[in-house]
Amino acid sequence: MFPYKITSPTDARNDFFKLLDLVVENHQIYIINRRDGENVALISESDLMSLIETVYLLRSPANARRLMDAMEESKTGKIKPQTIQELQQELGIEQEEKKEI
């Protein structure tokens, strides 16, 4: 579970701009705890987009398995780092030469 902090609507309102900075700069999620309604989460756009992308990539069990296997291979050192040129050569991709104007 993600670490988050809880605040009240009153405290959030009183320190709103400071709260926005904390959310963006520290990637901190705040739950605004409402007394008579559903709570609300305050999260930065970049963190939300990252979560959405992760969910999208992991929704297919086969894709999730491939990603997890690749991460494990990376951690164990089975795969050595490659340069862009090495990857292009391995995949048979020719690099276009930059033309001077």
PDB file of N, CA and C in Angstrom:
ATOM      1  N   MET A   1       0.843  -1.189   0.000  1.00  0.00           N
ATOM      2  CA  MET A   1       0.000   0.000   0.000  1.00  0.00           C
ATOM      3  C   MET A   1       0.884   1.247   0.000  1.00  0.00           C
ATOM      4  N   PHE A   2       0.404   2.268  -0.634  1.00  0.00           N
ATOM      5  CA  PHE A   2       1.149   3.521  -0.720  1.00  0.00           C
ATOM      6  C   PHE A   2       1.145   4.236   0.630  1.00  0.00           C
ATOM      7  N   PRO A   3       2.265   4.847   0.959  1.00  0.00           N
ATOM      8  CA  PRO A   3       2.252   5.676   2.170  1.00  0.00           C
ATOM      9  C   PRO A   3       1.433   6.935   1.888  1.00  0.00           C
ATOM     10  N   TYR A   4       0.634   7.307   2.818  1.00  0.00           N
ATOM     11  CA  TYR A   4      -0.170   8.512   2.646  1.00  0.00           C
ATOM     12  C   TYR A   4      -0.359   9.175   3.996  1.00  0.00           C
ATOM     13  N   LYS A   5      -0.774  10.417   3.946  1.00  0.00           N
ATOM     14  CA  LYS A   5      -1.074  11.163   5.163  1.00  0.00           C
ATOM     15  C   LYS A   5      -2.536  11.563   5.113  1.00  0.00           C
ATOM     16  N   ILE A   6      -3.100  11.735   6.278  1.00  0.00           N
ATOM     17  CA  ILE A   6      -4.514  12.094   6.378  1.00  0.00           C
ATOM     18  C   ILE A   6      -4.613  13.510   6.921  1.00  0.00           C
ATOM     19  N   THR A   7      -5.515  14.271   6.345  1.00  0.00           N
ATOM     20  CA  THR A   7      -5.760  15.625   6.821  1.00  0.00           C
ATOM     21  C   THR A   7      -7.260  15.897   6.762  1.00  0.00           C
ATOM     22  N   SER A   8      -7.676  16.934   7.421  1.00  0.00           N
ATOM     23  CA  SER A   8      -9.090  17.323   7.411  1.00  0.00           C
ATOM     24  C   SER A   8      -9.325  18.350   6.308  1.00  0.00           C
ATOM     25  N   PRO A   9     -10.570  18.511   5.890  1.00  0.00           N
ATOM     26  CA  PRO A   9     -10.855  19.553   4.899  1.00  0.00           C
ATOM     27  C   PRO A   9     -10.451  20.950   5.390  1.00  0.00           C
ATOM     28  N   THR A  10     -10.645  21.214   6.668  1.00  0.00           N
ATOM     29  CA  THR A  10     -10.288  22.524   7.221  1.00  0.00           C
ATOM     30  C   THR A  10      -8.783  22.756   7.147  1.00  0.00           C
ATOM     31  N   ASP A  11      -7.997  21.752   7.575  1.00  0.00           N
ATOM     32  CA  ASP A  11      -6.537  21.891   7.506  1.00  0.00           C
ATOM     33  C   ASP A  11      -6.057  21.978   6.060  1.00  0.00           C
ATOM     34  N   ALA A  12      -6.676  21.207   5.188  1.00  0.00           N
ATOM     35  CA  ALA A  12      -6.303  21.248   3.769  1.00  0.00           C
ATOM     36  C   ALA A  12      -6.578  22.637   3.194  1.00  0.00           C
ATOM     37  N   ARG A  13      -7.707  23.211   3.545  1.00  0.00           N
ATOM     38  CA  ARG A  13      -8.061  24.543   3.058  1.00  0.00           C
ATOM     39  C   ARG A  13      -7.100  25.598   3.612  1.00  0.00           C
ATOM     40  N   ASN A  14      -6.765  25.496   4.893  1.00  0.00           N
ATOM     41  CA  ASN A  14      -5.886  26.492   5.522  1.00  0.00           C
ATOM     42  C   ASN A  14      -4.472  26.471   4.953  1.00  0.00           C
ATOM     43  N   ASP A  15      -3.997  25.298   4.572  1.00  0.00           N
ATOM     44  CA  ASP A  15      -2.629  25.156   4.053  1.00  0.00           C
ATOM     45  C   ASP A  15      -2.630  24.639   2.619  1.00  0.00           C
ATOM     46  N   PHE A  16      -3.602  25.053   1.831  1.00  0.00           N
ATOM     47  CA  PHE A  16      -3.813  24.453   0.516  1.00  0.00           C
ATOM     48  C   PHE A  16      -2.580  24.519  -0.385  1.00  0.00           C
ATOM     49  N   PHE A  17      -1.971  25.683  -0.534  1.00  0.00           N
ATOM     50  CA  PHE A  17      -0.837  25.818  -1.456  1.00  0.00           C
ATOM     51  C   PHE A  17       0.396  25.080  -0.936  1.00  0.00           C
ATOM     52  N   LYS A  18       0.586  25.074   0.371  1.00  0.00           N
ATOM     53  CA  LYS A  18       1.672  24.290   0.971  1.00  0.00           C
ATOM     54  C   LYS A  18       1.421  22.801   0.718  1.00  0.00           C
ATOM     55  N   LEU A  19       0.177  22.375   0.867  1.00  0.00           N
ATOM     56  CA  LEU A  19      -0.199  20.982   0.631  1.00  0.00           C
ATOM     57  C   LEU A  19       0.064  20.590  -0.823  1.00  0.00           C
ATOM     58  N   LEU A  20      -0.276  21.465  -1.757  1.00  0.00           N
ATOM     59  CA  LEU A  20      -0.012  21.197  -3.174  1.00  0.00           C
ATOM     60  C   LEU A  20       1.479  21.001  -3.421  1.00  0.00           C
ATOM     61  N   ASP A  21       2.299  21.854  -2.820  1.00  0.00           N
ATOM     62  CA  ASP A  21       3.753  21.722  -2.983  1.00  0.00           C
ATOM     63  C   ASP A  21       4.261  20.399  -2.415  1.00  0.00           C
ATOM     64  N   LEU A  22       3.766  20.005  -1.249  1.00  0.00           N
ATOM     65  CA  LEU A  22       4.183  18.734  -0.638  1.00  0.00           C
ATOM     66  C   LEU A  22       3.807  17.546  -1.519  1.00  0.00           C
ATOM     67  N   VAL A  23       2.615  17.607  -2.085  1.00  0.00           N
ATOM     68  CA  VAL A  23       2.136  16.517  -2.939  1.00  0.00           C
ATOM     69  C   VAL A  23       3.023  16.387  -4.176  1.00  0.00           C
ATOM     70  N   VAL A  24       3.356  17.499  -4.799  1.00  0.00           N
ATOM     71  CA  VAL A  24       4.139  17.467  -6.030  1.00  0.00           C
ATOM     72  C   VAL A  24       5.620  17.198  -5.750  1.00  0.00           C
ATOM     73  N   GLU A  25       6.205  17.923  -4.825  1.00  0.00           N
ATOM     74  CA  GLU A  25       7.650  17.831  -4.595  1.00  0.00           C
ATOM     75  C   GLU A  25       8.073  16.539  -3.908  1.00  0.00           C
ATOM     76  N   ASN A  26       7.242  16.023  -3.005  1.00  0.00           N
ATOM     77  CA  ASN A  26       7.609  14.829  -2.228  1.00  0.00           C
ATOM     78  C   ASN A  26       6.860  13.576  -2.664  1.00  0.00           C
ATOM     79  N   HIS A  27       6.068  13.697  -3.716  1.00  0.00           N
ATOM     80  CA  HIS A  27       5.249  12.569  -4.180  1.00  0.00           C
ATOM     81  C   HIS A  27       4.440  11.990  -3.018  1.00  0.00           C
ATOM     82  N   GLN A  28       3.901  12.883  -2.200  1.00  0.00           N
ATOM     83  CA  GLN A  28       3.130  12.494  -1.026  1.00  0.00           C
ATOM     84  C   GLN A  28       1.648  12.508  -1.375  1.00  0.00           C
ATOM     85  N   ILE A  29       0.946  11.461  -1.008  1.00  0.00           N
ATOM     86  CA  ILE A  29      -0.498  11.396  -1.217  1.00  0.00           C
ATOM     87  C   ILE A  29      -1.171  11.830   0.085  1.00  0.00           C
ATOM     88  N   TYR A  30      -2.171  12.676  -0.039  1.00  0.00           N
ATOM     89  CA  TYR A  30      -2.958  13.087   1.119  1.00  0.00           C
ATOM     90  C   TYR A  30      -4.389  12.607   0.946  1.00  0.00           C
ATOM     91  N   ILE A  31      -4.933  12.046   2.013  1.00  0.00           N
ATOM     92  CA  ILE A  31      -6.343  11.687   2.057  1.00  0.00           C
ATOM     93  C   ILE A  31      -7.034  12.783   2.856  1.00  0.00           C
ATOM     94  N   ILE A  32      -8.006  13.411   2.232  1.00  0.00           N
ATOM     95  CA  ILE A  32      -8.783  14.431   2.927  1.00  0.00           C
ATOM     96  C   ILE A  32      -9.992  13.709   3.508  1.00  0.00           C
ATOM     97  N   ASN A  33      -9.989  13.609   4.830  1.00  0.00           N
ATOM     98  CA  ASN A  33     -10.962  12.816   5.569  1.00  0.00           C
ATOM     99  C   ASN A  33     -12.235  13.633   5.807  1.00  0.00           C
ATOM    100  N   ARG A  34     -13.278  13.291   5.059  1.00  0.00           N
ATOM    101  CA  ARG A  34     -14.543  14.025   5.162  1.00  0.00           C
ATOM    102  C   ARG A  34     -15.454  13.340   6.172  1.00  0.00           C
ATOM    103  N   ARG A  35     -16.085  14.130   7.008  1.00  0.00           N
ATOM    104  CA  ARG A  35     -16.952  13.591   8.050  1.00  0.00           C
ATOM    105  C   ARG A  35     -18.222  12.963   7.476  1.00  0.00           C
ATOM    106  N   ASP A  36     -18.848  13.621   6.520  1.00  0.00           N
ATOM    107  CA  ASP A  36     -20.149  13.169   6.025  1.00  0.00           C
ATOM    108  C   ASP A  36     -20.123  12.739   4.567  1.00  0.00           C
ATOM    109  N   GLY A  37     -19.004  12.330   4.080  1.00  0.00           N
ATOM    110  CA  GLY A  37     -18.926  11.906   2.684  1.00  0.00           C
ATOM    111  C   GLY A  37     -17.709  11.044   2.461  1.00  0.00           C
ATOM    112  N   GLU A  38     -17.586  10.565   1.232  1.00  0.00           N
ATOM    113  CA  GLU A  38     -16.431   9.737   0.894  1.00  0.00           C
ATOM    114  C   GLU A  38     -15.161  10.581   0.951  1.00  0.00           C
ATOM    115  N   ASN A  39     -14.097   9.994   1.434  1.00  0.00           N
ATOM    116  CA  ASN A  39     -12.810  10.688   1.488  1.00  0.00           C
ATOM    117  C   ASN A  39     -12.308  10.974   0.082  1.00  0.00           C
ATOM    118  N   VAL A  40     -11.407  11.941  -0.013  1.00  0.00           N
ATOM    119  CA  VAL A  40     -10.850  12.353  -1.296  1.00  0.00           C
ATOM    120  C   VAL A  40      -9.330  12.251  -1.218  1.00  0.00           C
ATOM    121  N   ALA A  41      -8.718  11.772  -2.302  1.00  0.00           N
ATOM    122  CA  ALA A  41      -7.259  11.671  -2.353  1.00  0.00           C
ATOM    123  C   ALA A  41      -6.696  12.832  -3.158  1.00  0.00           C
ATOM    124  N   LEU A  42      -5.633  13.415  -2.652  1.00  0.00           N
ATOM    125  CA  LEU A  42      -4.912  14.464  -3.365  1.00  0.00           C
ATOM    126  C   LEU A  42      -3.577  13.863  -3.785  1.00  0.00           C
ATOM    127  N   ILE A  43      -3.383  13.755  -5.099  1.00  0.00           N
ATOM    128  CA  ILE A  43      -2.201  13.104  -5.663  1.00  0.00           C
ATOM    129  C   ILE A  43      -1.738  13.928  -6.859  1.00  0.00           C
ATOM    130  N   SER A  44      -0.440  13.974  -7.087  1.00  0.00           N
ATOM    131  CA  SER A  44       0.065  14.755  -8.219  1.00  0.00           C
ATOM    132  C   SER A  44      -0.337  14.091  -9.536  1.00  0.00           C
ATOM    133  N   GLU A  45      -0.423  14.896 -10.567  1.00  0.00           N
ATOM    134  CA  GLU A  45      -0.790  14.368 -11.884  1.00  0.00           C
ATOM    135  C   GLU A  45       0.221  13.324 -12.352  1.00  0.00           C
ATOM    136  N   SER A  46       1.506  13.593 -12.151  1.00  0.00           N
ATOM    137  CA  SER A  46       2.518  12.643 -12.630  1.00  0.00           C
ATOM    138  C   SER A  46       2.422  11.311 -11.891  1.00  0.00           C
ATOM    139  N   ASP A  47       2.156  11.346 -10.585  1.00  0.00           N
ATOM    140  CA  ASP A  47       2.001  10.100  -9.832  1.00  0.00           C
ATOM    141  C   ASP A  47       0.748   9.348 -10.271  1.00  0.00           C
ATOM    142  N   LEU A  48      -0.329  10.072 -10.526  1.00  0.00           N
ATOM    143  CA  LEU A  48      -1.557   9.432 -10.997  1.00  0.00           C
ATOM    144  C   LEU A  48      -1.344   8.784 -12.356  1.00  0.00           C
ATOM    145  N   MET A  49      -0.685   9.490 -13.272  1.00  0.00           N
ATOM    146  CA  MET A  49      -0.437   8.929 -14.603  1.00  0.00           C
ATOM    147  C   MET A  49       0.451   7.691 -14.515  1.00  0.00           C
ATOM    148  N   SER A  50       1.410   7.717 -13.618  1.00  0.00           N
ATOM    149  CA  SER A  50       2.279   6.560 -13.412  1.00  0.00           C
ATOM    150  C   SER A  50       1.478   5.360 -12.914  1.00  0.00           C
ATOM    151  N   LEU A  51       0.577   5.595 -11.981  1.00  0.00           N
ATOM    152  CA  LEU A  51      -0.279   4.513 -11.475  1.00  0.00           C
ATOM    153  C   LEU A  51      -1.176   3.956 -12.571  1.00  0.00           C
ATOM    154  N   ILE A  52      -1.756   4.843 -13.371  1.00  0.00           N
ATOM    155  CA  ILE A  52      -2.629   4.410 -14.464  1.00  0.00           C
ATOM    156  C   ILE A  52      -1.843   3.581 -15.470  1.00  0.00           C
ATOM    157  N   GLU A  53      -0.628   4.016 -15.807  1.00  0.00           N
ATOM    158  CA  GLU A  53       0.203   3.270 -16.755  1.00  0.00           C
ATOM    159  C   GLU A  53       0.563   1.890 -16.196  1.00  0.00           C
ATOM    160  N   THR A  54       0.901   1.837 -14.914  1.00  0.00           N
ATOM    161  CA  THR A  54       1.245   0.559 -14.287  1.00  0.00           C
ATOM    162  C   THR A  54       0.063  -0.398 -14.319  1.00  0.00           C
ATOM    163  N   VAL A  55      -1.109   0.090 -13.983  1.00  0.00           N
ATOM    164  CA  VAL A  55      -2.313  -0.751 -14.018  1.00  0.00           C
ATOM    165  C   VAL A  55      -2.563  -1.243 -15.437  1.00  0.00           C
ATOM    166  N   TYR A  56      -2.401  -0.363 -16.413  1.00  0.00           N
ATOM    167  CA  TYR A  56      -2.609  -0.742 -17.811  1.00  0.00           C
ATOM    168  C   TYR A  56      -1.637  -1.846 -18.229  1.00  0.00           C
ATOM    169  N   LEU A  57      -0.366  -1.691 -17.870  1.00  0.00           N
ATOM    170  CA  LEU A  57       0.646  -2.674 -18.271  1.00  0.00           C
ATOM    171  C   LEU A  57       0.470  -4.014 -17.564  1.00  0.00           C
ATOM    172  N   LEU A  58      -0.063  -3.985 -16.354  1.00  0.00           N
ATOM    173  CA  LEU A  58      -0.193  -5.218 -15.579  1.00  0.00           C
ATOM    174  C   LEU A  58      -1.562  -5.881 -15.704  1.00  0.00           C
ATOM    175  N   ARG A  59      -2.482  -5.278 -16.445  1.00  0.00           N
ATOM    176  CA  ARG A  59      -3.830  -5.862 -16.522  1.00  0.00           C
ATOM    177  C   ARG A  59      -3.856  -7.164 -17.304  1.00  0.00           C
ATOM    178  N   SER A  60      -2.934  -7.340 -18.226  1.00  0.00           N
ATOM    179  CA  SER A  60      -2.823  -8.602 -18.951  1.00  0.00           C
ATOM    180  C   SER A  60      -1.898  -9.520 -18.159  1.00  0.00           C
ATOM    181  N   PRO A  61      -2.381 -10.695 -17.727  1.00  0.00           N
ATOM    182  CA  PRO A  61      -1.517 -11.607 -16.965  1.00  0.00           C
ATOM    183  C   PRO A  61      -0.240 -11.978 -17.718  1.00  0.00           C
ATOM    184  N   ALA A  62      -0.337 -12.177 -19.026  1.00  0.00           N
ATOM    185  CA  ALA A  62       0.848 -12.545 -19.809  1.00  0.00           C
ATOM    186  C   ALA A  62       1.861 -11.396 -19.819  1.00  0.00           C
ATOM    187  N   ASN A  63       1.384 -10.176 -20.013  1.00  0.00           N
ATOM    188  CA  ASN A  63       2.278  -9.017 -20.022  1.00  0.00           C
ATOM    189  C   ASN A  63       2.881  -8.797 -18.635  1.00  0.00           C
ATOM    190  N   ALA A  64       2.069  -8.954 -17.605  1.00  0.00           N
ATOM    191  CA  ALA A  64       2.566  -8.799 -16.237  1.00  0.00           C
ATOM    192  C   ALA A  64       3.672  -9.814 -15.956  1.00  0.00           C
ATOM    193  N   ARG A  65       3.483 -11.039 -16.407  1.00  0.00           N
ATOM    194  CA  ARG A  65       4.477 -12.089 -16.201  1.00  0.00           C
ATOM    195  C   ARG A  65       5.784 -11.740 -16.919  1.00  0.00           C
ATOM    196  N   ARG A  66       5.667 -11.264 -18.173  1.00  0.00           N
ATOM    197  CA  ARG A  66       6.868 -10.884 -18.929  1.00  0.00           C
ATOM    198  C   ARG A  66       7.621  -9.745 -18.237  1.00  0.00           C
ATOM    199  N   LEU A  67       6.877  -8.758 -17.759  1.00  0.00           N
ATOM    200  CA  LEU A  67       7.513  -7.624 -17.084  1.00  0.00           C
ATOM    201  C   LEU A  67       8.195  -8.059 -15.787  1.00  0.00           C
ATOM    202  N   MET A  68       7.526  -8.899 -15.023  1.00  0.00           N
ATOM    203  CA  MET A  68       8.111  -9.380 -13.765  1.00  0.00           C
ATOM    204  C   MET A  68       9.342 -10.251 -14.032  1.00  0.00           C
ATOM    205  N   ASP A  69       9.269 -11.088 -15.060  1.00  0.00           N
ATOM    206  CA  ASP A  69      10.425 -11.916 -15.432  1.00  0.00           C
ATOM    207  C   ASP A  69      11.605 -11.041 -15.849  1.00  0.00           C
ATOM    208  N   ALA A  70      11.322  -9.996 -16.631  1.00  0.00           N
ATOM    209  CA  ALA A  70      12.384  -9.092 -17.083  1.00  0.00           C
ATOM    210  C   ALA A  70      13.015  -8.359 -15.897  1.00  0.00           C
ATOM    211  N   MET A  71      12.189  -7.942 -14.941  1.00  0.00           N
ATOM    212  CA  MET A  71      12.726  -7.278 -13.751  1.00  0.00           C
ATOM    213  C   MET A  71      13.612  -8.235 -12.952  1.00  0.00           C
ATOM    214  N   GLU A  72      13.177  -9.476 -12.822  1.00  0.00           N
ATOM    215  CA  GLU A  72      13.960 -10.472 -12.086  1.00  0.00           C
ATOM    216  C   GLU A  72      15.287 -10.744 -12.790  1.00  0.00           C
ATOM    217  N   GLU A  73      15.244 -10.869 -14.115  1.00  0.00           N
ATOM    218  CA  GLU A  73      16.479 -11.085 -14.882  1.00  0.00           C
ATOM    219  C   GLU A  73      17.436  -9.913 -14.706  1.00  0.00           C
ATOM    220  N   SER A  74      16.884  -8.726 -14.679  1.00  0.00           N
ATOM    221  CA  SER A  74      17.707  -7.529 -14.504  1.00  0.00           C
ATOM    222  C   SER A  74      18.373  -7.523 -13.129  1.00  0.00           C
ATOM    223  N   LYS A  75      17.614  -7.885 -12.098  1.00  0.00           N
ATOM    224  CA  LYS A  75      18.152  -7.894 -10.732  1.00  0.00           C
ATOM    225  C   LYS A  75      19.226  -8.955 -10.536  1.00  0.00           C
ATOM    226  N   THR A  76      19.058 -10.108 -11.171  1.00  0.00           N
ATOM    227  CA  THR A  76      20.003 -11.209 -10.979  1.00  0.00           C
ATOM    228  C   THR A  76      21.234 -11.077 -11.861  1.00  0.00           C
ATOM    229  N   GLY A  77      21.232 -10.123 -12.779  1.00  0.00           N
ATOM    230  CA  GLY A  77      22.385  -9.912 -13.642  1.00  0.00           C
ATOM    231  C   GLY A  77      22.420 -10.819 -14.853  1.00  0.00           C
ATOM    232  N   LYS A  78      21.311 -11.504 -15.151  1.00  0.00           N
ATOM    233  CA  LYS A  78      21.262 -12.367 -16.338  1.00  0.00           C
ATOM    234  C   LYS A  78      21.394 -11.554 -17.617  1.00  0.00           C
ATOM    235  N   ILE A  79      20.927 -10.332 -17.544  1.00  0.00           N
ATOM    236  CA  ILE A  79      20.962  -9.461 -18.718  1.00  0.00           C
ATOM    237  C   ILE A  79      22.002  -8.377 -18.466  1.00  0.00           C
ATOM    238  N   LYS A  80      22.943  -8.242 -19.399  1.00  0.00           N
ATOM    239  CA  LYS A  80      23.952  -7.201 -19.236  1.00  0.00           C
ATOM    240  C   LYS A  80      23.461  -5.917 -19.893  1.00  0.00           C
ATOM    241  N   PRO A  81      23.843  -4.781 -19.347  1.00  0.00           N
ATOM    242  CA  PRO A  81      23.449  -3.507 -19.947  1.00  0.00           C
ATOM    243  C   PRO A  81      23.982  -3.398 -21.375  1.00  0.00           C
ATOM    244  N   GLN A  82      23.195  -2.744 -22.231  1.00  0.00           N
ATOM    245  CA  GLN A  82      23.595  -2.555 -23.622  1.00  0.00           C
ATOM    246  C   GLN A  82      23.475  -1.090 -23.995  1.00  0.00           C
ATOM    247  N   THR A  83      24.306  -0.703 -24.949  1.00  0.00           N
ATOM    248  CA  THR A  83      24.196   0.649 -25.488  1.00  0.00           C
ATOM    249  C   THR A  83      23.058   0.666 -26.507  1.00  0.00           C
ATOM    250  N   ILE A  84      22.652   1.843 -26.897  1.00  0.00           N
ATOM    251  CA  ILE A  84      21.611   1.973 -27.918  1.00  0.00           C
ATOM    252  C   ILE A  84      22.076   1.328 -29.215  1.00  0.00           C
ATOM    253  N   GLN A  85      23.332   1.525 -29.551  1.00  0.00           N
ATOM    254  CA  GLN A  85      23.870   0.944 -30.788  1.00  0.00           C
ATOM    255  C   GLN A  85      23.828  -0.590 -30.731  1.00  0.00           C
ATOM    256  N   GLU A  86      24.163  -1.172 -29.584  1.00  0.00           N
ATOM    257  CA  GLU A  86      24.112  -2.634 -29.440  1.00  0.00           C
ATOM    258  C   GLU A  86      22.683  -3.155 -29.575  1.00  0.00           C
ATOM    259  N   LEU A  87      21.742  -2.443 -28.990  1.00  0.00           N
ATOM    260  CA  LEU A  87      20.336  -2.842 -29.108  1.00  0.00           C
ATOM    261  C   LEU A  87      19.860  -2.750 -30.554  1.00  0.00           C
ATOM    262  N   GLN A  88      20.229  -1.675 -31.233  1.00  0.00           N
ATOM    263  CA  GLN A  88      19.838  -1.519 -32.634  1.00  0.00           C
ATOM    264  C   GLN A  88      20.415  -2.645 -33.477  1.00  0.00           C
ATOM    265  N   GLN A  89      21.662  -2.994 -33.230  1.00  0.00           N
ATOM    266  CA  GLN A  89      22.301  -4.070 -33.981  1.00  0.00           C
ATOM    267  C   GLN A  89      21.610  -5.402 -33.682  1.00  0.00           C
ATOM    268  N   GLU A  90      21.314  -5.661 -32.421  1.00  0.00           N
ATOM    269  CA  GLU A  90      20.649  -6.911 -32.031  1.00  0.00           C
ATOM    270  C   GLU A  90      19.274  -7.039 -32.674  1.00  0.00           C
ATOM    271  N   LEU A  91      18.564  -5.921 -32.783  1.00  0.00           N
ATOM    272  CA  LEU A  91      17.216  -5.935 -33.349  1.00  0.00           C
ATOM    273  C   LEU A  91      17.198  -5.719 -34.857  1.00  0.00           C
ATOM    274  N   GLY A  92      18.348  -5.477 -35.441  1.00  0.00           N
ATOM    275  CA  GLY A  92      18.424  -5.270 -36.884  1.00  0.00           C
ATOM    276  C   GLY A  92      17.878  -3.930 -37.330  1.00  0.00           C
ATOM    277  N   ILE A  93      18.012  -2.952 -36.470  1.00  0.00           N
ATOM    278  CA  ILE A  93      17.528  -1.610 -36.789  1.00  0.00           C
ATOM    279  C   ILE A  93      18.724  -0.767 -37.206  1.00  0.00           C
ATOM    280  N   GLU A  94      18.628  -0.201 -38.397  1.00  0.00           N
ATOM    281  CA  GLU A  94      19.716   0.654 -38.863  1.00  0.00           C
ATOM    282  C   GLU A  94      19.461   2.075 -38.403  1.00  0.00           C
ATOM    283  N   GLN A  95      20.508   2.676 -37.900  1.00  0.00           N
ATOM    284  CA  GLN A  95      20.395   4.048 -37.449  1.00  0.00           C
ATOM    285  C   GLN A  95      20.575   4.979 -38.634  1.00  0.00           C
ATOM    286  N   GLU A  96      19.634   5.921 -38.766  1.00  0.00           N
ATOM    287  CA  GLU A  96      19.750   6.898 -39.842  1.00  0.00           C
ATOM    288  C   GLU A  96      20.848   7.884 -39.492  1.00  0.00           C
ATOM    289  N   GLU A  97      21.641   8.213 -40.487  1.00  0.00           N
ATOM    290  CA  GLU A  97      22.684   9.201 -40.250  1.00  0.00           C
ATOM    291  C   GLU A  97      22.069  10.587 -40.316  1.00  0.00           C
ATOM    292  N   LYS A  98      22.506  11.437 -39.404  1.00  0.00           N
ATOM    293  CA  LYS A  98      22.008  12.805 -39.398  1.00  0.00           C
ATOM    294  C   LYS A  98      22.636  13.559 -40.550  1.00  0.00           C
ATOM    295  N   LYS A  99      21.788  14.256 -41.285  1.00  0.00           N
ATOM    296  CA  LYS A  99      22.278  15.047 -42.411  1.00  0.00           C
ATOM    297  C   LYS A  99      22.416  16.492 -41.970  1.00  0.00           C
ATOM    298  N   GLU A 100      23.506  17.077 -42.339  1.00  0.00           N
ATOM    299  CA  GLU A 100      23.730  18.473 -42.004  1.00  0.00           C
ATOM    300  C   GLU A 100      22.940  19.342 -42.966  1.00  0.00           C
ATOM    301  N   ILE A 101      22.390  20.385 -42.450  1.00  0.00           N
ATOM    302  CA  ILE A 101      21.593  21.299 -43.281  1.00  0.00           C
ATOM    303  C   ILE A 101      22.413  22.494 -43.647  1.00  0.00           C
TER     304      ILE A 101
END
